[in-house]
Protein backbone atom coordinates (compact mmCIF):
# COMPACT_ATOMS: atom_id res chain seq x y z
CA UNK A 1 -2.94 45.74 26.77
CA UNK A 2 -4.57 47.98 23.97
CA UNK A 3 -2.95 47.89 20.69
CA UNK A 4 -0.91 50.45 19.62
CA UNK A 5 -2.33 52.73 17.53
CA UNK A 6 -0.44 54.14 14.09
CA UNK A 7 -1.51 56.13 11.51
CA UNK A 8 -0.04 55.64 8.14
CA UNK A 9 -0.73 58.66 6.18
CA UNK A 10 -0.43 62.48 7.46
CA UNK A 11 0.96 65.40 6.00
CA UNK A 12 3.64 67.54 7.46
CA UNK A 13 2.49 70.77 5.82
CA UNK A 14 5.54 72.79 6.68
CA UNK A 15 6.49 76.22 6.29
CA UNK A 16 8.73 75.31 3.21
CA UNK A 17 5.77 73.54 1.87
CA UNK A 18 3.78 76.60 1.89
CA UNK A 19 6.46 78.73 0.65
CA UNK A 20 7.28 75.76 -2.83
CA UNK A 21 3.54 75.51 -3.40
CA UNK A 22 2.91 79.01 -3.87
CA UNK A 23 5.96 80.34 -5.67
CA UNK A 24 4.14 81.54 -8.74
CA UNK A 25 1.73 83.67 -6.47
CA UNK A 26 3.75 86.96 -6.68
CA UNK A 27 0.98 88.61 -4.89
CA UNK A 28 2.51 86.86 -1.44
CA UNK A 29 5.86 88.79 0.43
CA UNK A 30 8.73 86.83 -0.32
CA UNK A 31 9.57 87.24 3.60
CA UNK A 32 7.28 85.50 5.66
CA UNK A 33 5.54 84.10 2.81
CA UNK A 34 4.38 80.67 4.98
CA UNK A 35 2.51 82.96 7.60
CA UNK A 36 0.79 85.07 4.89
CA UNK A 37 -0.30 82.09 3.16
CA UNK A 38 -1.44 80.39 6.46
CA UNK A 39 -3.41 83.71 7.31
CA UNK A 40 -4.97 83.24 3.87
CA UNK A 41 -6.19 79.80 4.79
CA UNK A 42 -7.14 80.69 8.02
CA UNK A 43 -5.33 78.01 9.33
CA UNK A 44 -2.07 78.22 12.32
CA UNK A 45 1.51 79.26 10.85
CA UNK A 46 3.69 76.30 10.84
CA UNK A 47 6.56 77.61 12.06
CA UNK A 48 9.64 75.90 12.25
CA UNK A 49 9.95 72.47 11.34
CA UNK A 50 11.13 71.76 14.90
CA UNK A 51 8.27 73.47 16.32
CA UNK A 52 5.69 72.00 13.91
CA UNK A 53 7.02 68.29 14.73
CA UNK A 54 6.98 68.90 18.50
CA UNK A 55 3.13 70.34 18.01
CA UNK A 56 2.81 66.96 15.88
CA UNK A 57 3.66 64.86 18.70
CA UNK A 58 1.78 66.69 21.09
CA UNK A 59 -1.23 66.03 18.92
CA UNK A 60 -0.36 62.11 18.73
CA UNK A 61 -0.11 61.92 22.81
CA UNK A 62 -3.81 63.68 23.08
CA UNK A 63 -5.38 61.43 20.61
CA UNK A 64 -3.55 58.12 22.17
CA UNK A 65 -1.50 57.42 18.57
CA UNK A 66 1.78 55.70 18.85
CA UNK A 67 3.54 56.67 15.69
CA UNK A 68 2.66 58.04 12.21
CA UNK A 69 3.97 58.60 8.97
CA UNK A 70 4.11 62.21 7.77
CA UNK A 71 4.79 62.85 4.48
CA UNK A 72 6.54 65.99 3.13
CA UNK A 73 3.89 67.12 0.42
CA UNK A 74 5.85 68.85 -2.23
CA UNK A 75 9.19 67.91 -3.77
CA UNK A 76 12.19 69.67 -2.24
CA UNK A 77 10.69 69.66 1.60
CA UNK A 78 12.66 66.66 1.99
CA UNK A 79 14.77 68.51 4.98
CA UNK A 80 11.12 69.68 6.74
CA UNK A 81 10.13 65.78 7.84
CA UNK A 82 13.74 64.96 8.27
CA UNK A 83 13.96 66.99 11.10
CA UNK A 84 10.53 65.32 12.45
CA UNK A 85 12.68 62.10 12.04
CA UNK A 86 15.33 63.12 13.65
CA UNK A 87 14.07 64.62 16.52
CA UNK A 88 11.08 61.76 16.97
CA UNK A 89 12.52 58.56 15.78
CA UNK A 90 10.36 56.21 17.57
CA UNK A 91 7.24 57.96 16.89
CA UNK A 92 7.66 59.61 12.99
CA UNK A 93 8.23 57.52 10.04
CA UNK A 94 9.37 59.78 6.94
CA UNK A 95 7.68 59.91 3.50
CA UNK A 96 8.60 62.20 0.29
CA UNK A 97 6.97 63.19 -2.37
CA UNK A 98 9.03 62.52 -5.32
CA UNK A 99 9.03 63.42 -8.84
CA UNK A 100 10.90 60.98 -10.99
CA UNK A 101 10.53 62.66 -13.86
CA UNK A 102 12.57 65.88 -12.27
CA UNK A 103 16.69 65.83 -12.58
CA UNK A 104 18.70 63.33 -10.82
CA UNK A 105 16.29 61.12 -9.84
CA UNK A 106 18.64 58.88 -8.49
CA UNK A 107 21.03 61.42 -6.35
CA UNK A 108 17.68 62.88 -5.01
CA UNK A 109 16.79 58.98 -4.05
CA UNK A 110 19.76 58.60 -1.95
CA UNK A 111 20.24 61.79 -0.36
CA UNK A 112 16.52 61.00 0.94
CA UNK A 113 16.87 57.69 1.86
CA UNK A 114 20.82 57.48 3.42
CA UNK A 115 21.33 60.76 4.57
CA UNK A 116 18.19 62.06 5.39
CA UNK A 117 16.72 58.90 7.05
CA UNK A 118 13.23 58.62 5.28
CA UNK A 119 11.55 55.32 4.85
CA UNK A 120 8.40 56.05 2.22
CA UNK A 121 8.67 57.53 -1.47
CA UNK A 122 5.29 59.17 -2.46
CA UNK A 123 4.45 59.10 -6.41
CA UNK A 124 1.88 61.20 -7.47
CA UNK A 125 1.47 60.43 -11.07
CA UNK A 126 -1.24 62.51 -12.03
CA UNK A 127 0.37 65.28 -10.42
CA UNK A 128 3.57 64.99 -12.54
CA UNK A 129 2.62 63.56 -15.60
CA UNK A 130 4.06 59.77 -15.86
CA UNK A 131 2.62 56.15 -15.93
CA UNK A 132 3.27 54.20 -13.18
CA UNK A 133 5.05 51.42 -15.71
CA UNK A 134 7.26 54.23 -16.80
CA UNK A 135 10.63 53.29 -16.85
CA UNK A 136 11.84 56.12 -14.31
CA UNK A 137 9.19 54.51 -11.64
CA UNK A 138 11.20 50.95 -11.94
CA UNK A 139 14.14 53.20 -10.79
CA UNK A 140 12.00 54.56 -8.13
CA UNK A 141 11.56 50.84 -7.10
CA UNK A 142 15.06 49.75 -7.53
CA UNK A 143 15.99 52.71 -5.00
CA UNK A 144 13.69 51.31 -2.46
CA UNK A 145 14.83 47.72 -2.57
CA UNK A 146 18.30 48.82 -1.77
CA UNK A 147 17.32 51.06 1.04
CA UNK A 148 14.58 48.72 2.60
CA UNK A 149 12.06 51.69 2.54
CA UNK A 150 8.37 51.33 0.92
CA UNK A 151 6.62 53.25 -2.67
CA UNK A 152 3.30 55.03 -2.11
CA UNK A 153 1.47 55.62 -5.31
CA UNK A 154 -1.19 57.66 -5.35
CA UNK A 155 -4.13 56.41 -7.61
CA UNK A 156 -7.65 57.44 -8.75
CA UNK A 157 -9.00 60.78 -7.95
CA UNK A 158 -6.54 63.42 -6.74
CA UNK A 159 -8.37 66.65 -5.23
CA UNK A 160 -5.70 69.24 -3.23
CA UNK A 161 -7.90 70.72 -0.91
CA UNK A 162 -5.51 73.15 -0.28
CA UNK A 163 -4.44 74.06 -3.40
CA UNK A 164 -8.65 74.75 -3.96
CA UNK A 165 -8.39 77.34 -1.54
CA UNK A 166 -5.40 79.19 -2.57
CA UNK A 167 -7.03 79.41 -6.30
CA UNK A 168 -4.26 77.13 -7.39
CA UNK A 169 -4.34 75.43 -10.59
CA UNK A 170 -4.81 71.75 -10.40
CA UNK A 171 -3.75 70.25 -14.12
CA UNK A 172 -3.77 66.28 -12.72
CA UNK A 173 -4.52 63.78 -15.54
CA UNK A 174 -6.41 61.19 -13.65
CA UNK A 175 -5.69 58.59 -16.56
CA UNK A 176 -2.08 58.36 -15.04
CA UNK A 177 -3.35 57.04 -11.68
CA UNK A 178 -4.08 53.23 -13.05
CA UNK A 179 -3.55 50.95 -9.99
CA UNK A 180 -2.99 47.88 -12.99
CA UNK A 181 0.01 49.75 -14.45
CA UNK A 182 1.60 49.45 -10.45
CA UNK A 183 1.30 45.86 -10.90
CA UNK A 184 4.55 45.13 -13.20
CA UNK A 185 7.03 47.20 -11.05
CA UNK A 186 5.49 45.65 -7.86
CA UNK A 187 6.01 42.37 -9.28
CA UNK A 188 8.92 42.54 -10.08
CA UNK A 189 10.33 43.75 -6.71
CA UNK A 190 8.16 41.46 -4.17
CA UNK A 191 10.31 42.30 -1.58
CA UNK A 192 9.25 46.37 -1.52
CA UNK A 193 6.41 47.24 0.46
CA UNK A 194 3.78 49.29 -2.06
CA UNK A 195 1.03 51.41 -0.49
CA UNK A 196 -1.91 52.42 -2.23
CA UNK A 197 -3.64 54.95 -0.10
CA UNK A 198 -7.14 56.01 -0.27
CA UNK A 199 -8.68 52.16 -1.42
CA UNK A 200 -7.24 53.23 -4.75
CA UNK A 201 -9.51 56.51 -4.82
CA UNK A 202 -11.90 55.49 -7.22
CA UNK A 203 -10.06 53.07 -8.54
CA UNK A 204 -11.16 50.30 -5.73
CA UNK A 205 -12.10 47.11 -8.11
CA UNK A 206 -8.68 47.86 -10.16
CA UNK A 207 -6.85 48.11 -6.85
CA UNK A 208 -8.29 44.97 -5.41
CA UNK A 209 -7.09 43.34 -8.68
CA UNK A 210 -3.41 44.47 -8.42
CA UNK A 211 -3.18 43.58 -4.39
CA UNK A 212 -4.75 40.18 -5.47
CA UNK A 213 -1.77 39.58 -7.90
CA UNK A 214 0.89 41.48 -5.94
CA UNK A 215 1.47 40.04 -2.37
CA UNK A 216 3.44 43.33 -1.24
CA UNK A 217 0.90 45.76 -2.41
CA UNK A 218 -1.41 47.26 0.88
CA UNK A 219 -4.07 49.56 0.64
CA UNK A 220 -4.42 52.17 3.07
CA UNK A 221 -7.81 53.65 4.39
CA UNK A 222 -6.95 57.51 4.88
CA UNK A 223 -9.45 59.99 4.19
CA UNK A 224 -12.98 60.53 4.10
CA UNK A 225 -13.57 58.45 0.60
CA UNK A 226 -15.27 60.35 -0.67
CA UNK A 227 -14.41 58.75 -3.60
CA UNK A 228 -17.30 56.43 -2.94
CA UNK A 229 -19.70 58.89 -4.49
CA UNK A 230 -18.61 57.55 -8.23
CA UNK A 231 -20.06 54.02 -7.02
CA UNK A 232 -22.95 55.17 -5.45
CA UNK A 233 -23.73 51.30 -4.31
CA UNK A 234 -20.62 51.37 -1.71
CA UNK A 235 -21.19 51.83 1.57
CA UNK A 236 -17.32 52.05 4.00
CA UNK A 237 -18.09 48.80 5.85
CA UNK A 238 -18.87 47.38 1.77
CA UNK A 239 -15.58 48.35 1.19
CA UNK A 240 -13.89 47.23 4.28
CA UNK A 241 -15.76 43.71 3.90
CA UNK A 242 -14.36 43.42 -0.06
CA UNK A 243 -11.01 44.66 0.96
CA UNK A 244 -10.92 42.01 3.84
CA UNK A 245 -12.03 39.52 1.77
CA UNK A 246 -9.51 40.30 -1.23
CA UNK A 247 -6.65 41.00 0.86
CA UNK A 248 -7.30 39.84 4.64
CA UNK A 249 -6.11 41.80 7.48
CA UNK A 250 -2.48 41.75 7.19
CA UNK A 251 -2.43 44.48 4.02
CA UNK A 252 -4.92 47.24 5.01
CA UNK A 253 -2.87 50.11 6.78
CA UNK A 254 -5.56 52.48 9.29
CA UNK A 255 -4.64 56.54 7.96
CA UNK A 256 -6.53 59.94 8.34
CA UNK A 257 -5.12 62.10 5.93
CA UNK A 258 -4.88 64.71 8.93
CA UNK A 259 -2.62 67.84 7.85
CA UNK A 260 -3.01 71.16 9.08
CA UNK A 261 -3.69 73.09 12.60
CA UNK A 262 -5.78 73.60 14.28
CA UNK A 263 -8.11 70.92 13.10
CA UNK A 264 -5.24 68.55 13.94
CA UNK A 265 -5.50 64.98 14.01
CA UNK A 266 -9.16 63.79 12.30
CA UNK A 267 -10.48 61.93 15.01
CA UNK A 268 -14.06 61.54 13.16
CA UNK A 269 -12.29 59.37 10.48
CA UNK A 270 -11.06 56.96 13.09
CA UNK A 271 -14.10 56.98 14.68
CA UNK A 272 -16.06 56.26 11.02
CA UNK A 273 -13.19 53.36 9.95
CA UNK A 274 -13.78 51.54 13.74
CA UNK A 275 -17.66 51.52 13.02
CA UNK A 276 -17.70 50.30 9.51
CA UNK A 277 -14.91 47.51 10.67
CA UNK A 278 -17.30 46.62 13.33
CA UNK A 279 -19.94 46.44 10.75
CA UNK A 280 -17.95 44.55 8.18
CA UNK A 281 -17.58 41.91 10.97
CA UNK A 282 -13.98 42.41 11.44
CA UNK A 283 -12.37 40.92 14.73
CA UNK A 284 -10.47 42.55 16.96
CA UNK A 285 -7.49 40.50 15.69
CA UNK A 286 -7.98 41.67 12.43
CA UNK A 287 -8.45 45.41 13.39
CA UNK A 288 -5.20 45.58 15.69
CA UNK A 289 -3.40 44.37 12.61
CA UNK A 290 -5.28 47.47 10.79
CA UNK A 291 -4.74 50.29 13.02
CA UNK A 292 -1.46 49.38 13.88
CA UNK A 293 -0.16 45.87 13.53
CA UNK A 294 0.62 45.95 10.15
CA UNK A 295 2.16 49.17 10.19
CA UNK A 296 4.62 48.47 12.94
CA UNK A 297 5.24 45.23 10.80
CA UNK A 298 6.72 47.32 7.77
CA UNK A 299 8.27 50.05 9.96
CA UNK A 300 9.48 48.77 13.05
CA UNK A 301 10.67 51.78 15.45
CA UNK A 302 14.50 52.45 16.01
CA UNK A 303 13.96 50.94 19.58
CA UNK A 304 12.21 47.62 18.06
CA UNK A 305 15.33 46.07 17.22
CA UNK A 306 17.73 47.06 19.71
CA UNK A 307 17.95 44.21 22.14
CA UNK A 308 18.28 46.48 25.46
CA UNK A 309 16.58 49.34 24.65
CA UNK A 310 14.38 50.45 27.81
């Protein structure tokens, strides 16, 4: 029987997300804004959160993907992903972007974890202007520990394609996305799974150092990993080979960074990573962990803990 395929990194680009993203674009209509933005981007309009959730499940079914983490990709869009989680709890794990420097962080975290059933909080320090060793980040870890959730911390280079397409400013301070600054909170909260996407996105060495020190730190493999252009000697198979040497297969999570339709799930990213792992000499057992086993261990499906479930 083939091992399940799970994607640890997909973005849920809902209508509400597009509205939040373009709040300062006064040239766009107040009514039907998401449709207008979709037309500018030449994307399919997301429709309701329920409709988008159904489309994602149909896409995952088409591509043979068992489960996926869907990320609410702007603070304030938690309810959209929560709709997908409520509709498909065995297929969708809900993550949400969170700014710990905004007011009432504790109340917002409680609502997302306890009331909406989300299981991963996503930190983007370069976007929101704080360091990963900030005391406010420690508060995020405390909440994640309390609710049994994961912390996703975007380090390194941050490029948001949809912002570029819409001509929106990207005033990001990459210095704030330093993986070594994540080690302090990660070591204080060893029961909290920590996920660093894109192999550290240009801070590969530092991400490996942090993960080597903190056994709860995982790397996700998502996207094209274009950050490798800053290290010309690196290839994707070399990145996998070194990651396996330092972390082993149990702390690597496959992801694609899929986001909008009609492009849908990025099969080409999966194919490239499968080929790279083969070239790196990863065993089938190791690949089984990376492509699904580790995700299911960190985020058990609801029916997986119910003895009499069908």
